[in-house]
Amino acid sequence: MSTTTAEQLYEQQIKLLPVTERLRLVAIIAHDLAAPTVAEEPRPRSLLELEGVGAEIWEGIDAQQYVNALRKEWDHRP
């Protein structure tokens, strides 16, 4: 079983078509490539998927001390 390359297909089939048909083929291919496939369509995401992301940033930091420091900053802002 031999495979046909894009170049062979072009030379043997597409190049023989009238210009208008080749342009129509280009439009069809462009439309097909621009349309997302089922696998590429984004699925709805949940905020719960973010649980634990960036946890290493807060490692060793006491939550209450952090909040207290933020509140202290707010008191000094104009």
Protein backbone atom coordinates (compact mmCIF):
# COMPACT_ATOMS: atom_id res chain seq x y z
CA MET A 1 0.00 0.00 0.00
CA SER A 2 1.61 3.25 -1.11
CA THR A 3 0.83 6.64 0.37
CA THR A 4 0.18 9.70 -1.70
CA THR A 5 2.00 12.85 -0.67
CA ALA A 6 0.37 16.27 -0.76
CA GLU A 7 2.65 17.20 -3.67
CA GLN A 8 1.61 14.14 -5.67
CA LEU A 9 -2.05 14.78 -4.96
CA TYR A 10 -1.65 18.38 -6.07
CA GLU A 11 0.15 17.51 -9.29
CA GLN A 12 -2.15 14.61 -10.22
CA GLN A 13 -5.55 15.99 -9.18
CA ILE A 14 -5.72 19.56 -7.96
CA LYS A 15 -3.46 21.30 -10.47
CA LEU A 16 -5.71 20.02 -13.27
CA LEU A 17 -8.76 21.81 -11.84
CA PRO A 18 -9.81 25.24 -13.12
CA VAL A 19 -8.62 28.19 -11.03
CA THR A 20 -12.10 28.81 -9.60
CA GLU A 21 -12.33 25.23 -8.35
CA ARG A 22 -8.84 25.40 -6.82
CA LEU A 23 -9.79 28.62 -5.03
CA ARG A 24 -12.96 26.94 -3.80
CA LEU A 25 -10.87 24.04 -2.53
CA VAL A 26 -8.56 26.43 -0.68
CA ALA A 27 -11.61 28.04 0.97
CA ILE A 28 -12.97 24.65 1.99
CA ILE A 29 -9.63 23.61 3.49
CA ALA A 30 -9.20 26.95 5.30
CA HIS A 31 -12.71 26.68 6.73
CA ASP A 32 -12.04 23.11 7.86
CA LEU A 33 -8.79 24.08 9.56
CA ALA A 34 -10.32 27.11 11.28
CA ALA A 35 -13.20 25.11 12.79
CA PRO A 36 -12.29 23.69 16.19
CA THR A 37 -12.55 19.96 16.52
CA VAL A 38 -14.40 18.33 19.37
CA ALA A 39 -11.11 17.61 21.14
CA GLU A 40 -10.03 21.27 20.87
CA GLU A 41 -13.25 22.81 22.17
CA PRO A 42 -12.71 24.22 25.64
CA ARG A 43 -14.68 22.49 28.32
CA PRO A 44 -16.30 24.36 31.19
CA ARG A 45 -13.84 24.72 34.04
CA SER A 46 -14.50 24.68 37.76
CA LEU A 47 -12.81 26.89 40.32
CA LEU A 48 -12.37 23.76 42.40
CA GLU A 49 -9.70 22.64 39.90
CA LEU A 50 -7.48 25.42 41.24
CA GLU A 51 -7.42 23.98 44.75
CA GLY A 52 -3.82 23.77 45.94
CA VAL A 53 -2.34 25.70 43.01
CA GLY A 54 0.41 27.96 44.30
CA ALA A 55 0.38 26.39 47.76
CA GLU A 56 4.16 26.49 47.85
CA ILE A 57 4.05 30.30 47.80
CA TRP A 58 2.28 30.36 51.15
CA GLU A 59 4.34 27.61 52.77
CA GLY A 60 5.50 28.64 56.24
CA ILE A 61 3.30 31.78 56.32
CA ASP A 62 0.70 32.06 59.06
CA ALA A 63 -2.61 33.12 57.52
CA GLN A 64 -3.70 35.28 60.46
CA GLN A 65 -0.36 37.10 60.64
CA TYR A 66 -0.59 37.78 56.90
CA VAL A 67 -4.11 39.21 57.20
CA ASN A 68 -3.08 41.32 60.19
CA ALA A 69 -0.13 42.75 58.22
CA LEU A 70 -2.44 43.62 55.29
CA ARG A 71 -4.89 45.36 57.61
CA LYS A 72 -2.04 47.31 59.17
CA GLU A 73 -1.01 48.49 55.66
CA TRP A 74 -4.57 49.60 54.93
CA ASP A 75 -4.56 51.81 58.03
CA HIS A 76 -1.58 53.75 56.65
CA ARG A 77 -2.95 54.28 53.11
CA PRO A 78 -4.43 57.67 52.22
